[in-house]
C-alpha atoms as a PDB file:
ATOM      1  CA  UNK A   1       0.319 -86.194 -33.563  1.00  0.00           C
ATOM      2  CA  UNK A   2      -2.441 -88.691 -32.973  1.00  0.00           C
ATOM      3  CA  UNK A   3      -3.594 -91.350 -35.351  1.00  0.00           C
ATOM      4  CA  UNK A   4      -6.533 -90.588 -37.627  1.00  0.00           C
ATOM      5  CA  UNK A   5      -8.411 -93.442 -35.948  1.00  0.00           C
ATOM      6  CA  UNK A   6      -8.988 -91.366 -32.800  1.00  0.00           C
ATOM      7  CA  UNK A   7     -12.413 -89.745 -33.091  1.00  0.00           C
ATOM      8  CA  UNK A   8     -12.942 -85.990 -32.995  1.00  0.00           C
ATOM      9  CA  UNK A   9     -14.906 -86.414 -29.780  1.00  0.00           C
ATOM     10  CA  UNK A  10     -12.048 -88.293 -28.114  1.00  0.00           C
ATOM     11  CA  UNK A  11      -9.623 -85.535 -29.162  1.00  0.00           C
ATOM     12  CA  UNK A  12     -12.011 -82.947 -27.715  1.00  0.00           C
ATOM     13  CA  UNK A  13     -12.239 -84.870 -24.439  1.00  0.00           C
ATOM     14  CA  UNK A  14      -8.434 -85.143 -24.229  1.00  0.00           C
ATOM     15  CA  UNK A  15      -8.061 -81.432 -25.043  1.00  0.00           C
ATOM     16  CA  UNK A  16     -10.534 -80.504 -22.298  1.00  0.00           C
ATOM     17  CA  UNK A  17      -8.555 -82.725 -19.919  1.00  0.00           C
ATOM     18  CA  UNK A  18      -5.482 -80.578 -20.555  1.00  0.00           C
ATOM     19  CA  UNK A  19      -3.798 -82.152 -23.570  1.00  0.00           C
ATOM     20  CA  UNK A  20      -3.280 -79.067 -25.786  1.00  0.00           C
ATOM     21  CA  UNK A  21      -1.794 -81.100 -28.651  1.00  0.00           C
ATOM     22  CA  UNK A  22      -5.218 -82.675 -29.242  1.00  0.00           C
ATOM     23  CA  UNK A  23      -6.548 -79.287 -30.365  1.00  0.00           C
ATOM     24  CA  UNK A  24      -3.664 -79.086 -32.836  1.00  0.00           C
ATOM     25  CA  UNK A  25      -4.667 -82.493 -34.186  1.00  0.00           C
ATOM     26  CA  UNK A  26      -8.313 -81.424 -34.578  1.00  0.00           C
ATOM     27  CA  UNK A  27      -7.306 -78.285 -36.476  1.00  0.00           C
ATOM     28  CA  UNK A  28      -4.809 -80.207 -38.612  1.00  0.00           C
ATOM     29  CA  UNK A  29      -7.411 -82.867 -39.415  1.00  0.00           C
ATOM     30  CA  UNK A  30     -10.028 -80.396 -40.658  1.00  0.00           C
ATOM     31  CA  UNK A  31      -8.069 -77.309 -41.754  1.00  0.00           C
ATOM     32  CA  UNK A  32      -8.111 -78.074 -45.493  1.00  0.00           C
ATOM     33  CA  UNK A  33     -11.873 -78.555 -45.670  1.00  0.00           C
ATOM     34  CA  UNK A  34     -12.629 -75.470 -43.586  1.00  0.00           C
ATOM     35  CA  UNK A  35     -10.110 -73.201 -45.314  1.00  0.00           C
ATOM     36  CA  UNK A  36     -11.092 -74.401 -48.801  1.00  0.00           C
ATOM     37  CA  UNK A  37     -14.697 -73.459 -48.142  1.00  0.00           C
ATOM     38  CA  UNK A  38     -13.757 -70.021 -46.795  1.00  0.00           C
ATOM     39  CA  UNK A  39     -11.309 -69.095 -49.580  1.00  0.00           C
ATOM     40  CA  UNK A  40     -13.690 -70.379 -52.231  1.00  0.00           C
ATOM     41  CA  UNK A  41     -16.353 -67.969 -51.039  1.00  0.00           C
ATOM     42  CA  UNK A  42     -14.424 -64.852 -49.975  1.00  0.00           C
ATOM     43  CA  UNK A  43     -11.827 -64.938 -52.791  1.00  0.00           C
ATOM     44  CA  UNK A  44      -9.203 -63.156 -50.732  1.00  0.00           C
ATOM     45  CA  UNK A  45      -6.429 -64.982 -48.896  1.00  0.00           C
ATOM     46  CA  UNK A  46      -5.987 -62.379 -46.170  1.00  0.00           C
ATOM     47  CA  UNK A  47      -9.705 -62.301 -45.351  1.00  0.00           C
ATOM     48  CA  UNK A  48      -9.862 -66.091 -45.591  1.00  0.00           C
ATOM     49  CA  UNK A  49      -6.949 -66.401 -43.153  1.00  0.00           C
ATOM     50  CA  UNK A  50      -8.700 -64.043 -40.732  1.00  0.00           C
ATOM     51  CA  UNK A  51     -12.018 -65.899 -40.959  1.00  0.00           C
ATOM     52  CA  UNK A  52     -10.257 -69.257 -40.567  1.00  0.00           C
ATOM     53  CA  UNK A  53      -8.492 -67.993 -37.450  1.00  0.00           C
ATOM     54  CA  UNK A  54     -11.721 -66.503 -36.052  1.00  0.00           C
ATOM     55  CA  UNK A  55     -13.478 -69.817 -36.678  1.00  0.00           C
ATOM     56  CA  UNK A  56     -11.041 -71.735 -34.509  1.00  0.00           C
ATOM     57  CA  UNK A  57     -10.958 -68.991 -31.870  1.00  0.00           C
ATOM     58  CA  UNK A  58     -14.732 -69.468 -31.537  1.00  0.00           C
ATOM     59  CA  UNK A  59     -14.217 -73.244 -31.413  1.00  0.00           C
ATOM     60  CA  UNK A  60     -11.671 -72.892 -28.601  1.00  0.00           C
ATOM     61  CA  UNK A  61     -13.847 -70.480 -26.593  1.00  0.00           C
ATOM     62  CA  UNK A  62     -16.883 -72.723 -26.934  1.00  0.00           C
ATOM     63  CA  UNK A  63     -14.959 -75.856 -25.995  1.00  0.00           C
ATOM     64  CA  UNK A  64     -13.338 -74.174 -22.976  1.00  0.00           C
ATOM     65  CA  UNK A  65     -16.629 -72.657 -21.811  1.00  0.00           C
ATOM     66  CA  UNK A  66     -18.190 -76.116 -21.673  1.00  0.00           C
ATOM     67  CA  UNK A  67     -21.072 -75.162 -23.978  1.00  0.00           C
ATOM     68  CA  UNK A  68     -20.103 -77.478 -26.861  1.00  0.00           C
ATOM     69  CA  UNK A  69     -23.037 -79.882 -27.290  1.00  0.00           C
ATOM     70  CA  UNK A  70     -22.503 -81.180 -30.827  1.00  0.00           C
ATOM     71  CA  UNK A  71     -21.142 -84.584 -29.864  1.00  0.00           C
ATOM     72  CA  UNK A  72     -20.257 -86.601 -32.959  1.00  0.00           C
ATOM     73  CA  UNK A  73     -20.811 -83.632 -35.290  1.00  0.00           C
ATOM     74  CA  UNK A  74     -17.623 -81.613 -34.787  1.00  0.00           C
ATOM     75  CA  UNK A  75     -16.797 -80.822 -38.437  1.00  0.00           C
ATOM     76  CA  UNK A  76     -20.402 -79.871 -39.254  1.00  0.00           C
ATOM     77  CA  UNK A  77     -20.374 -77.538 -36.263  1.00  0.00           C
ATOM     78  CA  UNK A  78     -17.047 -75.985 -37.318  1.00  0.00           C
ATOM     79  CA  UNK A  79     -18.299 -75.551 -40.901  1.00  0.00           C
ATOM     80  CA  UNK A  80     -21.440 -73.850 -39.573  1.00  0.00           C
ATOM     81  CA  UNK A  81     -19.267 -71.416 -37.574  1.00  0.00           C
ATOM     82  CA  UNK A  82     -17.131 -70.736 -40.672  1.00  0.00           C
ATOM     83  CA  UNK A  83     -20.253 -70.255 -42.805  1.00  0.00           C
ATOM     84  CA  UNK A  84     -21.703 -67.767 -40.320  1.00  0.00           C
ATOM     85  CA  UNK A  85     -18.423 -65.830 -40.161  1.00  0.00           C
ATOM     86  CA  UNK A  86     -18.303 -65.695 -43.971  1.00  0.00           C
ATOM     87  CA  UNK A  87     -21.837 -64.281 -43.994  1.00  0.00           C
ATOM     88  CA  UNK A  88     -20.793 -61.719 -41.358  1.00  0.00           C
ATOM     89  CA  UNK A  89     -17.806 -60.780 -43.522  1.00  0.00           C
ATOM     90  CA  UNK A  90     -20.054 -60.053 -46.509  1.00  0.00           C
ATOM     91  CA  UNK A  91     -22.568 -58.166 -44.401  1.00  0.00           C
ATOM     92  CA  UNK A  92     -19.763 -55.908 -43.172  1.00  0.00           C
ATOM     93  CA  UNK A  93     -18.286 -55.372 -46.619  1.00  0.00           C
ATOM     94  CA  UNK A  94     -21.649 -55.537 -48.434  1.00  0.00           C
ATOM     95  CA  UNK A  95     -20.105 -57.547 -51.250  1.00  0.00           C
ATOM     96  CA  UNK A  96     -21.644 -60.470 -53.091  1.00  0.00           C
ATOM     97  CA  UNK A  97     -19.308 -63.464 -53.469  1.00  0.00           C
ATOM     98  CA  UNK A  98     -18.490 -64.897 -56.853  1.00  0.00           C
ATOM     99  CA  UNK A  99     -18.070 -68.659 -56.785  1.00  0.00           C
ATOM    100  CA  UNK A 100     -14.926 -70.217 -58.208  1.00  0.00           C
ATOM    101  CA  UNK A 101     -15.484 -73.749 -59.320  1.00  0.00           C
ATOM    102  CA  UNK A 102     -14.231 -77.147 -60.304  1.00  0.00           C
ATOM    103  CA  UNK A 103     -16.031 -80.277 -59.221  1.00  0.00           C
ATOM    104  CA  UNK A 104     -16.340 -83.903 -60.202  1.00  0.00           C
ATOM    105  CA  UNK A 105     -20.098 -84.051 -59.751  1.00  0.00           C
ATOM    106  CA  UNK A 106     -20.961 -80.757 -61.400  1.00  0.00           C
ATOM    107  CA  UNK A 107     -21.688 -81.881 -64.939  1.00  0.00           C
ATOM    108  CA  UNK A 108     -21.479 -78.405 -66.439  1.00  0.00           C
ATOM    109  CA  UNK A 109     -18.035 -77.864 -64.991  1.00  0.00           C
ATOM    110  CA  UNK A 110     -17.080 -81.436 -65.904  1.00  0.00           C
ATOM    111  CA  UNK A 111     -17.192 -80.423 -69.532  1.00  0.00           C
ATOM    112  CA  UNK A 112     -14.465 -77.860 -68.971  1.00  0.00           C
ATOM    113  CA  UNK A 113     -11.012 -79.144 -69.815  1.00  0.00           C
ATOM    114  CA  UNK A 114      -7.748 -77.399 -69.248  1.00  0.00           C
ATOM    115  CA  UNK A 115      -5.494 -77.784 -72.242  1.00  0.00           C
ATOM    116  CA  UNK A 116      -1.777 -77.371 -71.775  1.00  0.00           C
ATOM    117  CA  UNK A 117      -0.980 -77.238 -75.468  1.00  0.00           C
ATOM    118  CA  UNK A 118      -1.657 -73.540 -76.135  1.00  0.00           C
ATOM    119  CA  UNK A 119      -2.129 -70.199 -74.469  1.00  0.00           C
ATOM    120  CA  UNK A 120      -5.249 -69.657 -76.577  1.00  0.00           C
ATOM    121  CA  UNK A 121      -6.888 -72.825 -75.222  1.00  0.00           C
ATOM    122  CA  UNK A 122      -6.099 -71.786 -71.644  1.00  0.00           C
ATOM    123  CA  UNK A 123      -7.549 -68.328 -72.246  1.00  0.00           C
ATOM    124  CA  UNK A 124     -10.733 -69.781 -73.720  1.00  0.00           C
ATOM    125  CA  UNK A 125     -11.073 -72.212 -70.806  1.00  0.00           C
ATOM    126  CA  UNK A 126     -10.568 -69.405 -68.286  1.00  0.00           C
ATOM    127  CA  UNK A 127     -13.238 -67.329 -70.031  1.00  0.00           C
ATOM    128  CA  UNK A 128     -15.667 -70.256 -69.835  1.00  0.00           C
ATOM    129  CA  UNK A 129     -14.960 -70.588 -66.092  1.00  0.00           C
ATOM    130  CA  UNK A 130     -15.537 -66.866 -65.608  1.00  0.00           C
ATOM    131  CA  UNK A 131     -18.840 -67.038 -67.513  1.00  0.00           C
ATOM    132  CA  UNK A 132     -20.114 -69.950 -65.409  1.00  0.00           C
ATOM    133  CA  UNK A 133     -18.930 -68.301 -62.161  1.00  0.00           C
ATOM    134  CA  UNK A 134     -20.819 -65.141 -63.082  1.00  0.00           C
ATOM    135  CA  UNK A 135     -23.990 -67.136 -63.793  1.00  0.00           C
ATOM    136  CA  UNK A 136     -23.795 -68.963 -60.450  1.00  0.00           C
ATOM    137  CA  UNK A 137     -24.252 -65.587 -58.730  1.00  0.00           C
ATOM    138  CA  UNK A 138     -27.677 -65.259 -60.362  1.00  0.00           C
ATOM    139  CA  UNK A 139     -28.988 -68.430 -58.710  1.00  0.00           C
ATOM    140  CA  UNK A 140     -31.369 -67.997 -55.761  1.00  0.00           C
ATOM    141  CA  UNK A 141     -29.374 -67.853 -52.508  1.00  0.00           C
ATOM    142  CA  UNK A 142     -30.636 -71.227 -51.209  1.00  0.00           C
ATOM    143  CA  UNK A 143     -29.619 -72.986 -54.431  1.00  0.00           C
ATOM    144  CA  UNK A 144     -26.277 -71.160 -54.629  1.00  0.00           C
ATOM    145  CA  UNK A 145     -25.449 -72.050 -51.003  1.00  0.00           C
ATOM    146  CA  UNK A 146     -26.159 -75.762 -51.511  1.00  0.00           C
ATOM    147  CA  UNK A 147     -24.125 -75.796 -54.730  1.00  0.00           C
ATOM    148  CA  UNK A 148     -21.204 -74.065 -53.003  1.00  0.00           C
ATOM    149  CA  UNK A 149     -21.256 -76.353 -49.981  1.00  0.00           C
ATOM    150  CA  UNK A 150     -21.533 -79.504 -52.099  1.00  0.00           C
ATOM    151  CA  UNK A 151     -19.022 -78.766 -54.793  1.00  0.00           C
ATOM    152  CA  UNK A 152     -16.631 -76.275 -53.325  1.00  0.00           C
ATOM    153  CA  UNK A 153     -16.559 -77.289 -49.663  1.00  0.00           C
ATOM    154  CA  UNK A 154     -16.948 -80.995 -50.520  1.00  0.00           C
ATOM    155  CA  UNK A 155     -19.759 -81.461 -48.003  1.00  0.00           C
ATOM    156  CA  UNK A 156     -22.136 -84.402 -48.110  1.00  0.00           C
ATOM    157  CA  UNK A 157     -25.863 -83.771 -48.526  1.00  0.00           C
ATOM    158  CA  UNK A 158     -26.303 -84.901 -44.928  1.00  0.00           C
ATOM    159  CA  UNK A 159     -23.822 -82.242 -43.765  1.00  0.00           C
ATOM    160  CA  UNK A 160     -25.512 -79.620 -45.961  1.00  0.00           C
ATOM    161  CA  UNK A 161     -28.917 -80.526 -44.547  1.00  0.00           C
ATOM    162  CA  UNK A 162     -27.619 -80.221 -40.995  1.00  0.00           C
ATOM    163  CA  UNK A 163     -25.886 -76.910 -41.662  1.00  0.00           C
ATOM    164  CA  UNK A 164     -28.873 -75.350 -43.405  1.00  0.00           C
ATOM    165  CA  UNK A 165     -31.465 -76.891 -41.062  1.00  0.00           C
ATOM    166  CA  UNK A 166     -33.421 -78.605 -43.841  1.00  0.00           C
ATOM    167  CA  UNK A 167     -34.086 -82.232 -44.749  1.00  0.00           C
ATOM    168  CA  UNK A 168     -31.704 -84.135 -47.016  1.00  0.00           C
ATOM    169  CA  UNK A 169     -34.450 -84.245 -49.665  1.00  0.00           C
ATOM    170  CA  UNK A 170     -34.757 -80.457 -49.557  1.00  0.00           C
ATOM    171  CA  UNK A 171     -30.990 -80.076 -49.950  1.00  0.00           C
ATOM    172  CA  UNK A 172     -31.042 -82.518 -52.885  1.00  0.00           C
ATOM    173  CA  UNK A 173     -33.946 -80.636 -54.450  1.00  0.00           C
ATOM    174  CA  UNK A 174     -32.156 -77.306 -54.135  1.00  0.00           C
ATOM    175  CA  UNK A 175     -29.094 -78.805 -55.798  1.00  0.00           C
ATOM    176  CA  UNK A 176     -31.196 -80.230 -58.621  1.00  0.00           C
ATOM    177  CA  UNK A 177     -32.888 -76.882 -59.246  1.00  0.00           C
ATOM    178  CA  UNK A 178     -29.529 -75.074 -59.080  1.00  0.00           C
ATOM    179  CA  UNK A 179     -28.191 -77.288 -61.879  1.00  0.00           C
ATOM    180  CA  UNK A 180     -31.388 -76.963 -63.929  1.00  0.00           C
ATOM    181  CA  UNK A 181     -31.358 -73.171 -63.575  1.00  0.00           C
ATOM    182  CA  UNK A 182     -27.655 -72.983 -64.388  1.00  0.00           C
ATOM    183  CA  UNK A 183     -28.167 -75.054 -67.545  1.00  0.00           C
ATOM    184  CA  UNK A 184     -31.058 -72.794 -68.618  1.00  0.00           C
ATOM    185  CA  UNK A 185     -28.910 -69.685 -68.127  1.00  0.00           C
ATOM    186  CA  UNK A 186     -26.051 -71.256 -70.073  1.00  0.00           C
ATOM    187  CA  UNK A 187     -28.386 -72.103 -72.951  1.00  0.00           C
ATOM    188  CA  UNK A 188     -29.977 -68.651 -72.872  1.00  0.00           C
ATOM    189  CA  UNK A 189     -26.590 -66.912 -72.903  1.00  0.00           C
ATOM    190  CA  UNK A 190     -25.347 -69.417 -75.518  1.00  0.00           C
ATOM    191  CA  UNK A 191     -22.186 -70.173 -73.580  1.00  0.00           C
ATOM    192  CA  UNK A 192     -20.064 -72.920 -75.073  1.00  0.00           C
ATOM    193  CA  UNK A 193     -18.597 -75.259 -72.457  1.00  0.00           C
ATOM    194  CA  UNK A 194     -15.693 -76.546 -74.497  1.00  0.00           C
ATOM    195  CA  UNK A 195     -12.554 -74.853 -75.703  1.00  0.00           C
END
């Protein structure tokens, strides 16, 4: 394997020059981020595996065809492919994803604590997670997408802006409104965020 210090673009160039192991390194470097995003949205390991594989098949075809033009933005490009394949998956199955969540920045989720001391505490905590996940589905699609990309795919606001073709300020605004709307729904439904 190659050192992490070699850029994605250099690995791509070496792969296109015939060094197949460079593609392995690219996939290895980014597989956790890409797969985490896919599984978080589709909620099914088999479908997630298929979408992950399809994502990198598209990457390989595009690289080999010489049409890759995203120099310096490889992971954003791969995440955009994965995102589009996830959308295609839901269009085919006509299902709405339910978001599973845990995030450092998401203050509502931050209040959730997993207690190891009793089964009752774990059950209460799981119910709270289920309640919040269900509410996230009621957010407008633009807000839900930004929230999912930020907190569940661990993307920066710059990456989100690039993937959704909006400014960073718009992405930040959508995130802010997602949190405001989620808090309002939690208050309205009188959901307690502590076990």
